[in-house]
Amino acid sequence: MARIPATLTVAGRTDAGVHATGQVAHLDVPVGALPPDQLAHRLARLLPPDLRVPAVRQVPRTFDARFSALRRHYQYRVCDAPWGVDPLRRYDTLGYHRWLDGAAMNVASTLLLGEHDFAAFCRRREGASTVRALETLTWTRDEPHLLVAHVAADAFCHSMVRSLVGALLVVGEHRRPPDWPAGLLLHAARASAVTVAPAHGLTLVAVDYPDDDQLATRAEQTRAVRRPIEPTRE
């Protein structure tokens, strides 16, 4: 059978160096192509060792891996042990050689939740909105020296998660107060004081979708252009 080029659409276009254990993608295949279970097996033989497809299934034509998504879930791993990162986790965990106050970081994170213009935390792209609805941003200390950020939103703009993490790490060091990151939401452009955290600590872990009968409606909602949020005045 002759090879036919296929266009792949992914749920999240992650920055270079970011990992994904829960990436979702879709593509159209011609009639008579391999059934899903055989396609998964065939891909395992063709793909490089750092890329795997654990499951393949047929979806409705209205499904769009990117625009039908309800939310994306990310995790960012930070090790604050003075001796550094476990060598077996060095590729997915940021080594931070200063103790971090997780409680202060959680206070700061709570103030960032909701729909805001995150321009201060994004690398602006021409014609793209920076308004996002941040649903989850919490830190857990899963091990004595391991902090994990759990982040979820309907969508993220370029470098947004890594910029949020960078700002919160400064709070964790007590170099900035907990209300500092939220105060940056008043900025209409990227804040130069925010350092973008390294890419390798970030992983896309899951993508949520609605029921099949809501896929088309969700895609239409997602494609709608978001307008900048006007700051409130007291």
Protein backbone atom coordinates (compact mmCIF):
# COMPACT_ATOMS: atom_id res chain seq x y z
CA MET A 1 0.00 0.00 0.00
CA ALA A 2 1.36 3.44 -0.95
CA ARG A 3 2.17 5.85 1.83
CA ILE A 4 -0.27 8.74 2.23
CA PRO A 5 0.81 11.90 4.10
CA ALA A 6 -1.27 12.49 7.23
CA THR A 7 -1.84 15.74 9.11
CA LEU A 8 -1.56 15.33 12.86
CA THR A 9 -3.45 17.67 15.24
CA VAL A 10 -2.33 17.65 18.89
CA ALA A 11 -4.10 18.85 22.02
CA GLY A 12 -1.20 20.90 23.34
CA ARG A 13 1.69 22.47 21.45
CA THR A 14 4.25 22.34 24.23
CA ASP A 15 7.43 24.42 24.32
CA ALA A 16 10.66 22.76 23.21
CA GLY A 17 11.99 20.57 26.01
CA VAL A 18 8.62 20.09 27.75
CA HIS A 19 7.47 16.49 28.28
CA ALA A 20 4.04 14.95 27.67
CA THR A 21 2.68 11.76 29.20
CA GLY A 22 -0.95 12.63 28.42
CA GLN A 23 -0.76 14.16 24.95
CA VAL A 24 -3.76 13.55 22.65
CA ALA A 25 -3.67 13.74 18.86
CA HIS A 26 -6.02 13.01 16.00
CA LEU A 27 -5.62 12.33 12.29
CA ASP A 28 -7.81 11.20 9.42
CA VAL A 29 -6.96 7.82 7.86
CA PRO A 30 -8.28 6.39 4.59
CA VAL A 31 -10.97 3.71 4.45
CA GLY A 32 -9.38 0.29 4.73
CA ALA A 33 -6.52 1.43 6.96
CA LEU A 34 -5.29 -0.75 9.80
CA PRO A 35 -7.73 -1.12 12.71
CA PRO A 36 -6.81 0.86 15.85
CA ASP A 37 -5.27 -2.02 17.81
CA GLN A 38 -3.01 -3.00 14.91
CA LEU A 39 -2.08 0.63 14.27
CA ALA A 40 -0.87 1.04 17.85
CA HIS A 41 1.33 -2.04 17.48
CA ARG A 42 2.72 -0.85 14.14
CA LEU A 43 3.53 2.60 15.54
CA ALA A 44 5.46 1.04 18.42
CA ARG A 45 7.82 -0.50 15.84
CA LEU A 46 8.28 2.73 13.88
CA LEU A 47 8.57 5.45 16.50
CA PRO A 48 11.84 6.52 18.20
CA PRO A 49 12.44 5.21 21.75
CA ASP A 50 11.44 8.50 23.42
CA LEU A 51 7.96 8.49 21.85
CA ARG A 52 5.15 5.99 22.44
CA VAL A 53 1.43 5.78 21.56
CA PRO A 54 -0.25 3.76 24.34
CA ALA A 55 -3.73 3.71 22.79
CA VAL A 56 -5.49 4.34 19.48
CA ARG A 57 -9.25 4.50 18.96
CA GLN A 58 -11.78 5.70 16.44
CA VAL A 59 -13.55 8.96 17.31
CA PRO A 60 -16.49 10.92 15.83
CA ARG A 61 -15.75 13.26 12.93
CA THR A 62 -16.60 16.19 15.21
CA PHE A 63 -13.64 15.39 17.48
CA ASP A 64 -10.72 17.83 17.36
CA ALA A 65 -7.80 17.06 19.65
CA ARG A 66 -7.04 20.76 20.09
CA PHE A 67 -10.32 22.65 19.92
CA SER A 68 -12.60 20.05 21.55
CA ALA A 69 -10.53 19.96 24.75
CA LEU A 70 -12.14 21.19 27.96
CA ARG A 71 -8.89 21.62 29.87
CA ARG A 72 -5.22 20.66 29.96
CA HIS A 73 -3.44 19.38 33.07
CA TYR A 74 0.25 20.01 33.67
CA GLN A 75 2.67 19.17 36.44
CA TYR A 76 5.94 20.91 37.24
CA ARG A 77 8.45 19.08 39.44
CA VAL A 78 10.98 20.93 41.59
CA CYS A 79 13.57 19.33 43.88
CA ASP A 80 14.89 21.68 46.59
CA ALA A 81 17.35 19.21 48.09
CA PRO A 82 20.73 20.88 48.73
CA TRP A 83 22.49 17.91 47.09
CA GLY A 84 20.48 18.17 43.88
CA VAL A 85 18.10 15.99 41.86
CA ASP A 86 17.99 12.21 41.93
CA PRO A 87 19.99 11.23 38.81
CA LEU A 88 17.11 9.06 37.58
CA ARG A 89 14.75 12.09 37.58
CA ARG A 90 17.16 14.71 36.23
CA TYR A 91 15.37 14.91 32.88
CA ASP A 92 11.91 15.78 34.28
CA THR A 93 12.69 17.59 37.56
CA LEU A 94 14.19 21.01 38.16
CA GLY A 95 16.99 21.13 40.69
CA TYR A 96 16.60 24.18 42.95
CA HIS A 97 19.36 24.56 45.53
CA ARG A 98 17.34 26.69 47.94
CA TRP A 99 14.59 25.59 50.33
CA LEU A 100 11.12 26.59 49.08
CA ASP A 101 8.16 27.61 51.23
CA GLY A 102 5.33 25.60 49.70
CA ALA A 103 2.70 27.24 51.89
CA ALA A 104 3.63 30.73 50.65
CA MET A 105 3.61 29.47 47.07
CA ASN A 106 0.09 28.08 47.54
CA VAL A 107 -1.16 31.40 48.92
CA ALA A 108 0.26 33.16 45.87
CA SER A 109 -1.17 30.51 43.54
CA THR A 110 -4.72 30.91 44.90
CA LEU A 111 -4.66 34.62 44.06
CA LEU A 112 -4.01 33.77 40.39
CA LEU A 113 -7.04 31.50 39.90
CA GLY A 114 -9.91 32.54 37.64
CA GLU A 115 -10.17 34.24 34.26
CA HIS A 116 -7.56 36.98 33.79
CA ASP A 117 -5.41 38.54 31.15
CA PHE A 118 -2.12 36.72 31.73
CA ALA A 119 -0.13 39.00 29.40
CA ALA A 120 2.53 39.46 32.11
CA PHE A 121 3.21 35.71 32.02
CA CYS A 122 3.03 35.06 28.26
CA ARG A 123 5.17 35.50 25.21
CA ARG A 124 2.76 37.43 23.06
CA ARG A 125 1.94 36.19 19.57
CA GLU A 126 0.47 38.50 16.97
CA GLY A 127 -3.31 38.26 16.97
CA ALA A 128 -3.43 35.81 19.89
CA SER A 129 -5.34 36.52 23.10
CA THR A 130 -3.63 36.21 26.49
CA VAL A 131 -6.92 35.87 28.40
CA ARG A 132 -7.11 32.47 30.08
CA ALA A 133 -9.23 30.79 32.78
CA LEU A 134 -6.86 29.23 35.32
CA GLU A 135 -8.81 26.49 37.13
CA THR A 136 -6.13 24.80 39.25
CA LEU A 137 -2.75 25.94 40.56
CA THR A 138 -1.61 24.12 43.69
CA TRP A 139 1.67 22.84 45.09
CA THR A 140 2.14 19.57 46.96
CA ARG A 141 5.28 18.34 48.69
CA ASP A 142 5.19 14.73 47.52
CA GLU A 143 8.56 13.89 49.09
CA PRO A 144 10.69 15.69 51.69
CA HIS A 145 12.53 17.59 48.95
CA LEU A 146 10.07 17.37 46.04
CA LEU A 147 7.48 20.05 45.26
CA VAL A 148 5.00 19.40 42.45
CA ALA A 149 2.82 22.09 40.88
CA HIS A 150 -0.56 20.89 39.61
CA VAL A 151 -1.88 23.27 36.95
CA ALA A 152 -5.09 23.10 34.89
CA ALA A 153 -6.85 25.51 32.54
CA ASP A 154 -8.99 25.37 29.44
CA ALA A 155 -5.93 26.55 27.52
CA PHE A 156 -2.54 28.18 28.07
CA CYS A 157 -0.67 30.79 26.10
CA HIS A 158 2.99 30.49 25.11
CA SER A 159 5.30 29.91 28.15
CA MET A 160 2.47 30.72 30.57
CA VAL A 161 2.91 27.74 32.93
CA ARG A 162 6.68 28.08 33.08
CA SER A 163 6.36 31.83 33.75
CA LEU A 164 3.86 31.24 36.55
CA VAL A 165 6.21 28.69 38.08
CA GLY A 166 9.13 31.09 37.76
CA ALA A 167 7.22 33.81 39.62
CA LEU A 168 6.07 31.41 42.34
CA LEU A 169 9.57 30.07 42.94
CA VAL A 170 10.65 33.59 43.85
CA VAL A 171 7.79 33.71 46.36
CA GLY A 172 8.91 30.34 47.73
CA GLU A 173 12.35 31.81 48.41
CA HIS A 174 10.73 34.76 50.26
CA ARG A 175 12.27 37.19 47.79
CA ARG A 176 8.76 38.42 46.88
CA PRO A 177 5.52 38.52 48.90
CA PRO A 178 2.67 36.12 48.06
CA ASP A 179 0.58 38.88 46.44
CA TRP A 180 3.32 39.85 43.99
CA PRO A 181 2.44 37.42 41.13
CA ALA A 182 -1.25 38.42 41.18
CA GLY A 183 -0.26 42.08 41.09
CA LEU A 184 1.42 41.45 37.74
CA LEU A 185 -1.99 40.68 36.20
CA LEU A 186 -2.46 44.44 35.85
CA HIS A 187 0.37 44.53 33.28
CA ALA A 188 -0.69 44.72 29.65
CA ALA A 189 2.60 43.25 28.45
CA ARG A 190 5.09 40.62 29.54
CA ALA A 191 6.68 41.46 32.91
CA SER A 192 10.46 41.58 32.67
CA ALA A 193 10.76 40.67 36.37
CA VAL A 194 9.32 37.20 35.71
CA THR A 195 11.84 34.47 34.94
CA VAL A 196 10.63 31.58 32.78
CA ALA A 197 11.32 28.29 34.58
CA PRO A 198 13.33 25.70 32.61
CA ALA A 199 11.33 23.52 30.23
CA HIS A 200 12.41 20.07 31.42
CA GLY A 201 10.51 20.26 34.74
CA LEU A 202 7.14 20.59 32.98
CA THR A 203 4.94 17.71 31.79
CA LEU A 204 1.53 17.68 30.09
CA VAL A 205 -0.17 14.87 32.01
CA ALA A 206 -3.81 14.83 30.82
CA VAL A 207 -6.40 16.44 28.54
CA ASP A 208 -10.14 16.41 29.30
CA TYR A 209 -12.88 16.22 26.65
CA PRO A 210 -16.70 16.47 26.78
CA ASP A 211 -19.10 13.71 25.79
CA ASP A 212 -19.25 12.91 22.08
CA ASP A 213 -22.48 14.85 21.53
CA GLN A 214 -20.82 18.03 22.86
CA LEU A 215 -17.60 17.87 20.82
CA ALA A 216 -18.71 20.19 18.00
CA THR A 217 -20.16 22.77 20.39
CA ARG A 218 -17.01 22.79 22.47
CA ALA A 219 -14.80 23.26 19.39
CA GLU A 220 -16.91 26.23 18.29
CA GLN A 221 -16.62 27.82 21.74
CA THR A 222 -12.87 27.35 21.82
CA ARG A 223 -12.37 28.96 18.43
CA ALA A 224 -14.13 32.14 19.59
CA VAL A 225 -11.68 35.02 20.08
CA ARG A 226 -11.30 36.12 23.69
CA ARG A 227 -11.29 39.81 24.39
CA PRO A 228 -8.87 41.48 26.84
CA ILE A 229 -10.26 41.95 30.34
CA GLU A 230 -10.52 45.53 31.48
CA PRO A 231 -9.00 46.01 34.95
CA THR A 232 -11.54 46.90 37.64
CA ARG A 233 -11.27 50.18 39.48
CA GLU A 234 -12.38 50.78 43.05
